[in-house]
């Protein structure tokens, strides 16, 4: 019984991450940009906890890793991109940044899923790219160039130390 519960806890935290991403999108669509940004930050708390809890309880699983990637693309790829798009002035550059940010995030997650690294990340992790967009969104600030730089950093060969 305890073993089954222990296996479920990290996945429930990952679902919390996903739900916060969906709530961010929902509040964004309703015009509540600050609340949408806050939910992206709450997603980060769930994302931080799910892996740590799984390792602490020794219940890591391939299912959990894949679920985490799916949650991350919503919470740190799509939700921040929509927030950016909602507060940006329309332009070709804004549209390009809006399209490329979640696309590069998905590519980065797929690349890490196929070839995981130990001790470092190759390319900026998607939460580290999505959180600055959420922070800018809290202050109704958008910058397509920053968004594009973050998008390309996710698929760059640059190594980032794991926390």
N, C-alpha and C. Protein backbone atom coordinates (compact mmCIF):
# COMPACT_ATOMS: atom_id res chain seq x y z
N UNK A 1 0.83 -1.20 0.00
CA UNK A 1 0.00 0.00 0.00
C UNK A 1 0.87 1.26 0.00
N UNK A 2 1.86 1.31 0.93
CA UNK A 2 2.73 2.48 1.00
C UNK A 2 3.52 2.65 -0.29
N UNK A 3 3.97 1.54 -0.87
CA UNK A 3 4.74 1.58 -2.11
C UNK A 3 3.92 2.20 -3.25
N UNK A 4 2.66 1.83 -3.36
CA UNK A 4 1.78 2.38 -4.39
C UNK A 4 1.58 3.88 -4.20
N UNK A 5 1.40 4.28 -2.94
CA UNK A 5 1.22 5.70 -2.62
C UNK A 5 2.50 6.47 -2.93
N UNK A 6 3.64 5.90 -2.57
CA UNK A 6 4.93 6.54 -2.82
C UNK A 6 5.15 6.75 -4.31
N UNK A 7 4.75 5.78 -5.13
CA UNK A 7 4.90 5.90 -6.58
C UNK A 7 4.00 7.00 -7.15
N UNK A 8 2.84 7.22 -6.53
CA UNK A 8 1.87 8.18 -7.04
C UNK A 8 2.22 9.63 -6.70
N UNK A 9 2.89 9.85 -5.59
CA UNK A 9 3.14 11.22 -5.12
C UNK A 9 3.89 12.08 -6.14
N UNK A 10 5.03 11.63 -6.68
CA UNK A 10 5.72 12.49 -7.67
C UNK A 10 4.86 12.78 -8.90
N UNK A 11 4.10 11.79 -9.35
CA UNK A 11 3.24 12.01 -10.52
C UNK A 11 2.11 12.99 -10.21
N UNK A 12 1.61 12.97 -8.99
CA UNK A 12 0.59 13.95 -8.59
C UNK A 12 1.18 15.36 -8.57
N UNK A 13 2.43 15.49 -8.15
CA UNK A 13 3.10 16.79 -8.19
C UNK A 13 3.28 17.25 -9.63
N UNK A 14 3.61 16.32 -10.53
CA UNK A 14 3.73 16.66 -11.95
C UNK A 14 2.39 17.10 -12.52
N UNK A 15 1.33 16.42 -12.12
CA UNK A 15 -0.02 16.83 -12.55
C UNK A 15 -0.33 18.23 -12.02
N UNK A 16 0.14 18.54 -10.80
CA UNK A 16 -0.01 19.90 -10.26
C UNK A 16 0.68 20.91 -11.16
N UNK A 17 1.88 20.58 -11.64
CA UNK A 17 2.61 21.43 -12.58
C UNK A 17 1.76 21.66 -13.83
N UNK A 18 1.27 20.57 -14.41
CA UNK A 18 0.45 20.66 -15.63
C UNK A 18 -0.81 21.49 -15.41
N UNK A 19 -1.51 21.24 -14.31
CA UNK A 19 -2.73 21.99 -14.03
C UNK A 19 -2.46 23.48 -13.86
N UNK A 20 -1.34 23.82 -13.23
CA UNK A 20 -0.99 25.24 -13.10
C UNK A 20 -0.73 25.86 -14.46
N UNK A 21 -0.11 25.11 -15.37
CA UNK A 21 0.09 25.60 -16.73
C UNK A 21 -1.23 25.83 -17.44
N UNK A 22 -2.15 24.90 -17.29
CA UNK A 22 -3.47 25.04 -17.91
C UNK A 22 -4.23 26.23 -17.28
N UNK A 23 -4.14 26.37 -15.96
CA UNK A 23 -4.78 27.51 -15.30
C UNK A 23 -4.16 28.83 -15.76
N UNK A 24 -2.85 28.84 -15.97
CA UNK A 24 -2.20 30.04 -16.49
C UNK A 24 -2.80 30.42 -17.84
N UNK A 25 -2.94 29.45 -18.70
CA UNK A 25 -3.52 29.70 -20.03
C UNK A 25 -4.96 30.20 -19.90
N UNK A 26 -5.71 29.59 -19.01
CA UNK A 26 -7.10 29.98 -18.80
C UNK A 26 -7.22 31.42 -18.30
N UNK A 27 -6.40 31.76 -17.29
CA UNK A 27 -6.45 33.13 -16.77
C UNK A 27 -5.96 34.13 -17.81
N UNK A 28 -4.98 33.74 -18.60
CA UNK A 28 -4.50 34.60 -19.68
C UNK A 28 -5.64 34.89 -20.65
N UNK A 29 -6.37 33.85 -21.04
CA UNK A 29 -7.49 34.01 -21.98
C UNK A 29 -8.59 34.91 -21.40
N UNK A 30 -8.68 34.96 -20.07
CA UNK A 30 -9.68 35.80 -19.42
C UNK A 30 -9.16 37.21 -19.13
N UNK A 31 -7.91 37.48 -19.50
CA UNK A 31 -7.35 38.81 -19.33
C UNK A 31 -6.65 39.06 -18.01
N UNK A 32 -6.46 38.03 -17.20
CA UNK A 32 -5.79 38.18 -15.91
C UNK A 32 -4.32 37.80 -16.05
N UNK A 33 -3.53 38.71 -16.61
CA UNK A 33 -2.15 38.40 -16.97
C UNK A 33 -1.26 38.14 -15.75
N UNK A 34 -1.43 38.93 -14.70
CA UNK A 34 -0.59 38.73 -13.51
C UNK A 34 -0.88 37.37 -12.88
N UNK A 35 -2.14 37.01 -12.79
CA UNK A 35 -2.51 35.70 -12.23
C UNK A 35 -1.96 34.59 -13.12
N UNK A 36 -2.03 34.78 -14.43
CA UNK A 36 -1.47 33.80 -15.37
C UNK A 36 0.02 33.63 -15.11
N UNK A 37 0.74 34.72 -14.90
CA UNK A 37 2.18 34.66 -14.63
C UNK A 37 2.45 33.95 -13.30
N UNK A 38 1.65 34.25 -12.30
CA UNK A 38 1.83 33.61 -10.98
C UNK A 38 1.68 32.10 -11.10
N UNK A 39 0.72 31.64 -11.88
CA UNK A 39 0.54 30.19 -12.03
C UNK A 39 1.74 29.53 -12.71
N UNK A 40 2.45 30.26 -13.57
CA UNK A 40 3.67 29.70 -14.15
C UNK A 40 4.72 29.52 -13.06
N UNK A 41 4.82 30.49 -12.16
CA UNK A 41 5.77 30.35 -11.04
C UNK A 41 5.38 29.21 -10.10
N UNK A 42 4.09 29.03 -9.86
CA UNK A 42 3.64 27.91 -9.02
C UNK A 42 3.96 26.58 -9.71
N UNK A 43 3.85 26.55 -11.04
CA UNK A 43 4.24 25.36 -11.80
C UNK A 43 5.69 24.99 -11.51
N UNK A 44 6.53 26.01 -11.41
CA UNK A 44 7.96 25.77 -11.16
C UNK A 44 8.17 25.10 -9.80
N UNK A 45 7.37 25.46 -8.82
CA UNK A 45 7.49 24.83 -7.50
C UNK A 45 7.14 23.35 -7.61
N UNK A 46 6.04 23.04 -8.29
CA UNK A 46 5.67 21.63 -8.49
C UNK A 46 6.74 20.89 -9.28
N UNK A 47 7.31 21.56 -10.31
CA UNK A 47 8.33 20.93 -11.14
C UNK A 47 9.59 20.64 -10.34
N UNK A 48 9.94 21.55 -9.46
CA UNK A 48 11.11 21.35 -8.60
C UNK A 48 10.89 20.19 -7.64
N UNK A 49 9.68 20.10 -7.11
CA UNK A 49 9.39 19.07 -6.11
C UNK A 49 9.23 17.67 -6.68
N UNK A 50 8.64 17.52 -7.87
CA UNK A 50 8.33 16.18 -8.37
C UNK A 50 9.56 15.31 -8.52
N UNK A 51 10.60 15.83 -9.14
CA UNK A 51 11.82 15.04 -9.31
C UNK A 51 12.53 14.75 -8.01
N UNK A 52 12.57 15.75 -7.13
CA UNK A 52 13.24 15.56 -5.84
C UNK A 52 12.52 14.53 -4.99
N UNK A 53 11.20 14.59 -4.99
CA UNK A 53 10.42 13.61 -4.22
C UNK A 53 10.59 12.22 -4.81
N UNK A 54 10.58 12.10 -6.13
CA UNK A 54 10.76 10.79 -6.77
C UNK A 54 12.12 10.19 -6.41
N UNK A 55 13.16 11.02 -6.43
CA UNK A 55 14.50 10.51 -6.08
C UNK A 55 14.58 10.15 -4.60
N UNK A 56 13.98 10.98 -3.76
CA UNK A 56 14.01 10.74 -2.30
C UNK A 56 13.28 9.43 -1.96
N UNK A 57 12.14 9.21 -2.62
CA UNK A 57 11.36 7.99 -2.36
C UNK A 57 11.84 6.79 -3.19
N UNK A 58 12.82 7.05 -4.07
CA UNK A 58 13.37 6.01 -4.95
C UNK A 58 12.29 5.37 -5.83
N UNK A 59 11.47 6.24 -6.44
CA UNK A 59 10.40 5.76 -7.31
C UNK A 59 10.46 6.41 -8.69
N UNK A 60 11.69 6.68 -9.17
CA UNK A 60 11.85 7.23 -10.51
C UNK A 60 11.28 6.26 -11.53
N UNK A 61 10.66 6.78 -12.57
CA UNK A 61 10.12 5.91 -13.61
C UNK A 61 10.17 6.62 -14.95
N UNK A 62 10.20 5.84 -16.03
CA UNK A 62 10.15 6.42 -17.37
C UNK A 62 8.84 7.16 -17.58
N UNK A 63 7.76 6.60 -17.03
CA UNK A 63 6.45 7.25 -17.12
C UNK A 63 6.52 8.65 -16.51
N UNK A 64 7.11 8.75 -15.32
CA UNK A 64 7.22 10.03 -14.64
C UNK A 64 8.04 11.04 -15.42
N UNK A 65 9.12 10.57 -16.04
CA UNK A 65 9.97 11.45 -16.84
C UNK A 65 9.20 11.99 -18.05
N UNK A 66 8.47 11.12 -18.72
CA UNK A 66 7.69 11.55 -19.89
C UNK A 66 6.55 12.49 -19.49
N UNK A 67 5.87 12.16 -18.40
CA UNK A 67 4.79 13.03 -17.92
C UNK A 67 5.34 14.41 -17.56
N UNK A 68 6.52 14.44 -16.95
CA UNK A 68 7.15 15.70 -16.60
C UNK A 68 7.43 16.55 -17.84
N UNK A 69 7.93 15.91 -18.90
CA UNK A 69 8.20 16.66 -20.14
C UNK A 69 6.92 17.23 -20.74
N UNK A 70 5.86 16.44 -20.72
CA UNK A 70 4.59 16.92 -21.26
C UNK A 70 4.05 18.09 -20.44
N UNK A 71 4.16 17.99 -19.11
CA UNK A 71 3.72 19.09 -18.26
C UNK A 71 4.57 20.34 -18.50
N UNK A 72 5.88 20.14 -18.66
CA UNK A 72 6.78 21.27 -18.86
C UNK A 72 6.51 22.02 -20.15
N UNK A 73 6.16 21.31 -21.21
CA UNK A 73 5.90 22.02 -22.47
C UNK A 73 4.67 22.91 -22.34
N UNK A 74 3.69 22.49 -21.55
CA UNK A 74 2.50 23.33 -21.32
C UNK A 74 2.85 24.49 -20.40
N UNK A 75 3.45 24.18 -19.24
CA UNK A 75 3.67 25.19 -18.20
C UNK A 75 4.79 26.17 -18.51
N UNK A 76 5.84 25.72 -19.21
CA UNK A 76 7.00 26.59 -19.44
C UNK A 76 7.26 26.88 -20.91
N UNK A 77 6.44 26.29 -21.79
CA UNK A 77 6.55 26.56 -23.22
C UNK A 77 5.35 27.32 -23.73
N UNK A 78 4.19 26.67 -23.69
CA UNK A 78 2.97 27.26 -24.25
C UNK A 78 2.45 28.41 -23.39
N UNK A 79 2.32 28.21 -22.08
CA UNK A 79 1.76 29.26 -21.21
C UNK A 79 2.59 30.55 -21.25
N UNK A 80 3.93 30.50 -21.11
CA UNK A 80 4.69 31.76 -21.20
C UNK A 80 4.62 32.39 -22.60
N UNK A 81 4.62 31.55 -23.64
CA UNK A 81 4.52 32.10 -25.01
C UNK A 81 3.19 32.82 -25.21
N UNK A 82 2.11 32.25 -24.71
CA UNK A 82 0.80 32.91 -24.81
C UNK A 82 0.77 34.20 -24.01
N UNK A 83 1.37 34.18 -22.83
CA UNK A 83 1.43 35.39 -22.02
C UNK A 83 2.21 36.48 -22.76
N UNK A 84 3.36 36.12 -23.31
CA UNK A 84 4.16 37.04 -24.12
C UNK A 84 3.32 37.60 -25.27
N UNK A 85 2.66 36.72 -25.99
CA UNK A 85 1.88 37.14 -27.16
C UNK A 85 0.72 38.05 -26.77
N UNK A 86 0.11 37.77 -25.64
CA UNK A 86 -1.05 38.56 -25.20
C UNK A 86 -0.70 39.99 -24.85
N UNK A 87 0.53 40.23 -24.39
CA UNK A 87 0.89 41.59 -23.96
C UNK A 87 1.76 42.31 -24.99
N UNK A 88 2.10 41.62 -26.08
CA UNK A 88 2.98 42.21 -27.10
C UNK A 88 2.19 42.93 -28.17
N UNK A 89 2.81 43.96 -28.73
CA UNK A 89 2.23 44.62 -29.89
C UNK A 89 2.37 43.68 -31.08
N UNK A 90 1.34 43.58 -31.91
CA UNK A 90 1.42 42.67 -33.06
C UNK A 90 2.53 43.08 -34.03
N UNK A 91 3.32 42.10 -34.45
CA UNK A 91 4.36 42.31 -35.47
C UNK A 91 4.81 40.95 -35.96
N UNK A 92 5.54 40.95 -37.06
CA UNK A 92 6.09 39.71 -37.59
C UNK A 92 7.07 39.12 -36.59
N UNK A 93 7.87 39.97 -35.94
CA UNK A 93 8.85 39.51 -34.96
C UNK A 93 8.17 38.88 -33.75
N UNK A 94 7.10 39.49 -33.29
CA UNK A 94 6.33 38.94 -32.17
C UNK A 94 5.76 37.57 -32.54
N UNK A 95 5.20 37.47 -33.73
CA UNK A 95 4.63 36.19 -34.18
C UNK A 95 5.71 35.13 -34.28
N UNK A 96 6.88 35.49 -34.80
CA UNK A 96 7.99 34.55 -34.91
C UNK A 96 8.43 34.07 -33.52
N UNK A 97 8.57 34.99 -32.58
CA UNK A 97 8.97 34.63 -31.22
C UNK A 97 7.92 33.74 -30.56
N UNK A 98 6.65 34.08 -30.78
CA UNK A 98 5.54 33.30 -30.22
C UNK A 98 5.56 31.86 -30.73
N UNK A 99 5.86 31.68 -32.01
CA UNK A 99 5.88 30.35 -32.61
C UNK A 99 7.14 29.58 -32.20
N UNK A 100 8.28 30.25 -32.23
CA UNK A 100 9.54 29.56 -31.98
C UNK A 100 9.76 29.18 -30.52
N UNK A 101 9.26 29.98 -29.57
CA UNK A 101 9.53 29.69 -28.16
C UNK A 101 9.03 28.29 -27.75
N UNK A 102 7.75 27.96 -27.92
CA UNK A 102 7.33 26.61 -27.51
C UNK A 102 7.89 25.52 -28.42
N UNK A 103 8.15 25.85 -29.68
CA UNK A 103 8.72 24.85 -30.60
C UNK A 103 10.12 24.46 -30.16
N UNK A 104 10.95 25.45 -29.85
CA UNK A 104 12.31 25.16 -29.39
C UNK A 104 12.27 24.46 -28.03
N UNK A 105 11.30 24.83 -27.19
CA UNK A 105 11.14 24.15 -25.90
C UNK A 105 10.83 22.67 -26.09
N UNK A 106 9.94 22.36 -27.03
CA UNK A 106 9.59 20.96 -27.30
C UNK A 106 10.80 20.21 -27.86
N UNK A 107 11.55 20.84 -28.75
CA UNK A 107 12.75 20.20 -29.30
C UNK A 107 13.78 19.93 -28.20
N UNK A 108 13.94 20.88 -27.31
CA UNK A 108 14.88 20.72 -26.20
C UNK A 108 14.47 19.57 -25.29
N UNK A 109 13.19 19.49 -24.97
CA UNK A 109 12.70 18.40 -24.12
C UNK A 109 12.86 17.05 -24.81
N UNK A 110 12.58 16.99 -26.09
CA UNK A 110 12.72 15.73 -26.83
C UNK A 110 14.19 15.31 -26.89
N UNK A 111 15.06 16.27 -27.12
CA UNK A 111 16.49 15.97 -27.19
C UNK A 111 16.99 15.43 -25.84
N UNK A 112 16.56 16.04 -24.75
CA UNK A 112 16.98 15.59 -23.42
C UNK A 112 16.39 14.21 -23.11
N UNK A 113 15.16 13.97 -23.56
CA UNK A 113 14.52 12.68 -23.32
C UNK A 113 15.27 11.56 -24.02
N UNK A 114 15.75 11.82 -25.23
CA UNK A 114 16.46 10.81 -26.01
C UNK A 114 17.89 10.63 -25.51
N UNK A 115 18.53 11.74 -25.12
CA UNK A 115 19.93 11.68 -24.70
C UNK A 115 20.12 12.49 -23.42
N UNK A 116 19.74 11.92 -22.26
CA UNK A 116 19.88 12.65 -21.01
C UNK A 116 21.36 12.87 -20.65
N UNK A 117 21.61 13.91 -19.89
CA UNK A 117 22.96 14.23 -19.45
C UNK A 117 23.02 14.12 -17.93
N UNK A 118 24.22 13.95 -17.42
CA UNK A 118 24.41 13.85 -15.97
C UNK A 118 25.27 15.02 -15.51
N UNK A 119 24.76 15.78 -14.54
CA UNK A 119 25.51 16.89 -13.97
C UNK A 119 25.33 18.22 -14.68
N UNK A 120 24.79 18.17 -15.89
CA UNK A 120 24.58 19.41 -16.63
C UNK A 120 23.42 19.21 -17.61
N UNK A 121 22.90 20.33 -18.10
CA UNK A 121 21.90 20.31 -19.17
C UNK A 121 22.57 20.83 -20.42
N UNK A 122 22.29 20.22 -21.55
CA UNK A 122 22.75 20.75 -22.83
C UNK A 122 21.60 21.59 -23.38
N UNK A 123 21.80 22.89 -23.42
CA UNK A 123 20.74 23.81 -23.77
C UNK A 123 20.04 24.27 -22.50
N UNK A 124 19.52 25.47 -22.54
CA UNK A 124 18.82 26.05 -21.38
C UNK A 124 17.57 25.23 -21.07
N UNK A 125 17.42 24.76 -19.83
CA UNK A 125 16.19 24.02 -19.49
C UNK A 125 14.95 24.89 -19.71
N UNK A 126 13.88 24.25 -20.12
CA UNK A 126 12.67 25.01 -20.45
C UNK A 126 12.10 25.81 -19.27
N UNK A 127 12.16 25.33 -18.02
CA UNK A 127 11.69 26.19 -16.93
C UNK A 127 12.53 27.47 -16.81
N UNK A 128 13.85 27.36 -17.04
CA UNK A 128 14.72 28.52 -16.95
C UNK A 128 14.46 29.51 -18.09
N UNK A 129 13.86 29.05 -19.17
CA UNK A 129 13.48 29.94 -20.27
C UNK A 129 12.08 30.52 -20.05
N UNK A 130 11.17 29.71 -19.53
CA UNK A 130 9.79 30.16 -19.34
C UNK A 130 9.61 31.12 -18.18
N UNK A 131 10.38 30.95 -17.12
CA UNK A 131 10.20 31.82 -15.95
C UNK A 131 10.53 33.29 -16.21
N UNK A 132 11.58 33.61 -16.98
CA UNK A 132 11.79 35.04 -17.29
C UNK A 132 10.61 35.66 -18.07
N UNK A 133 10.01 34.87 -18.96
CA UNK A 133 8.83 35.39 -19.68
C UNK A 133 7.69 35.64 -18.70
N UNK A 134 7.51 34.74 -17.74
CA UNK A 134 6.47 34.94 -16.72
C UNK A 134 6.77 36.18 -15.89
N UNK A 135 8.04 36.36 -15.54
CA UNK A 135 8.43 37.54 -14.77
C UNK A 135 8.16 38.82 -15.53
N UNK A 136 8.50 38.82 -16.81
CA UNK A 136 8.22 40.00 -17.64
C UNK A 136 6.71 40.22 -17.74
N UNK A 137 5.95 39.12 -17.85
CA UNK A 137 4.51 39.22 -17.96
C UNK A 137 3.86 39.82 -16.73
N UNK A 138 4.46 39.59 -15.57
CA UNK A 138 3.91 40.17 -14.33
C UNK A 138 3.92 41.70 -14.38
N UNK A 139 4.85 42.25 -15.16
CA UNK A 139 4.97 43.71 -15.26
C UNK A 139 4.51 44.23 -16.63
N UNK A 140 3.74 43.39 -17.33
CA UNK A 140 3.22 43.74 -18.66
C UNK A 140 4.33 44.20 -19.60
N UNK A 141 5.48 43.57 -19.48
CA UNK A 141 6.61 43.88 -20.35
C UNK A 141 6.83 42.70 -21.29
N UNK A 142 7.05 43.00 -22.54
CA UNK A 142 7.38 41.95 -23.49
C UNK A 142 8.51 42.43 -24.38
N UNK A 143 9.33 41.49 -24.80
CA UNK A 143 10.44 41.81 -25.68
C UNK A 143 10.67 40.61 -26.58
N UNK A 144 10.40 40.77 -27.85
CA UNK A 144 10.52 39.65 -28.79
C UNK A 144 11.96 39.17 -28.90
N UNK A 145 12.92 40.07 -28.82
CA UNK A 145 14.32 39.67 -28.93
C UNK A 145 14.74 38.79 -27.75
N UNK A 146 14.34 39.16 -26.54
CA UNK A 146 14.64 38.33 -25.37
C UNK A 146 13.98 36.97 -25.52
N UNK A 147 12.75 36.96 -25.99
CA UNK A 147 12.02 35.70 -26.18
C UNK A 147 12.73 34.82 -27.20
N UNK A 148 13.20 35.40 -28.29
CA UNK A 148 13.93 34.64 -29.31
C UNK A 148 15.27 34.13 -28.78
N UNK A 149 15.98 34.96 -28.02
CA UNK A 149 17.25 34.52 -27.44
C UNK A 149 17.02 33.34 -26.51
N UNK A 150 16.01 33.42 -25.66
CA UNK A 150 15.69 32.30 -24.76
C UNK A 150 15.32 31.05 -25.55
N UNK A 151 14.56 31.23 -26.63
CA UNK A 151 14.17 30.09 -27.47
C UNK A 151 15.40 29.40 -28.03
N UNK A 152 16.33 30.16 -28.58
CA UNK A 152 17.51 29.56 -29.19
C UNK A 152 18.49 29.02 -28.15
N UNK A 153 18.52 29.62 -26.96
CA UNK A 153 19.36 29.06 -25.89
C UNK A 153 18.91 27.66 -25.50
N UNK A 154 17.60 27.39 -25.62
CA UNK A 154 17.09 26.06 -25.26
C UNK A 154 17.66 24.97 -26.16
N UNK A 155 17.95 25.29 -27.41
CA UNK A 155 18.46 24.27 -28.34
C UNK A 155 19.95 24.46 -28.63
N UNK A 156 20.57 25.34 -27.88
CA UNK A 156 22.00 25.61 -28.09
C UNK A 156 22.84 24.47 -27.51
N UNK A 157 24.10 24.38 -27.92
CA UNK A 157 24.99 23.37 -27.33
C UNK A 157 25.61 23.79 -26.00
N UNK A 158 25.22 24.96 -25.51
CA UNK A 158 25.78 25.48 -24.27
C UNK A 158 25.37 24.58 -23.10
N UNK A 159 26.33 24.30 -22.23
CA UNK A 159 26.07 23.48 -21.04
C UNK A 159 25.66 24.37 -19.87
N UNK A 160 24.60 23.95 -19.17
CA UNK A 160 24.13 24.63 -17.98
C UNK A 160 24.18 23.64 -16.83
N UNK A 161 24.80 24.04 -15.73
CA UNK A 161 24.94 23.16 -14.57
C UNK A 161 23.58 22.86 -13.96
N UNK A 162 23.37 21.57 -13.60
CA UNK A 162 22.13 21.19 -12.93
C UNK A 162 22.16 21.68 -11.50
N UNK A 163 21.00 22.12 -11.01
CA UNK A 163 20.90 22.59 -9.62
C UNK A 163 20.64 21.44 -8.68
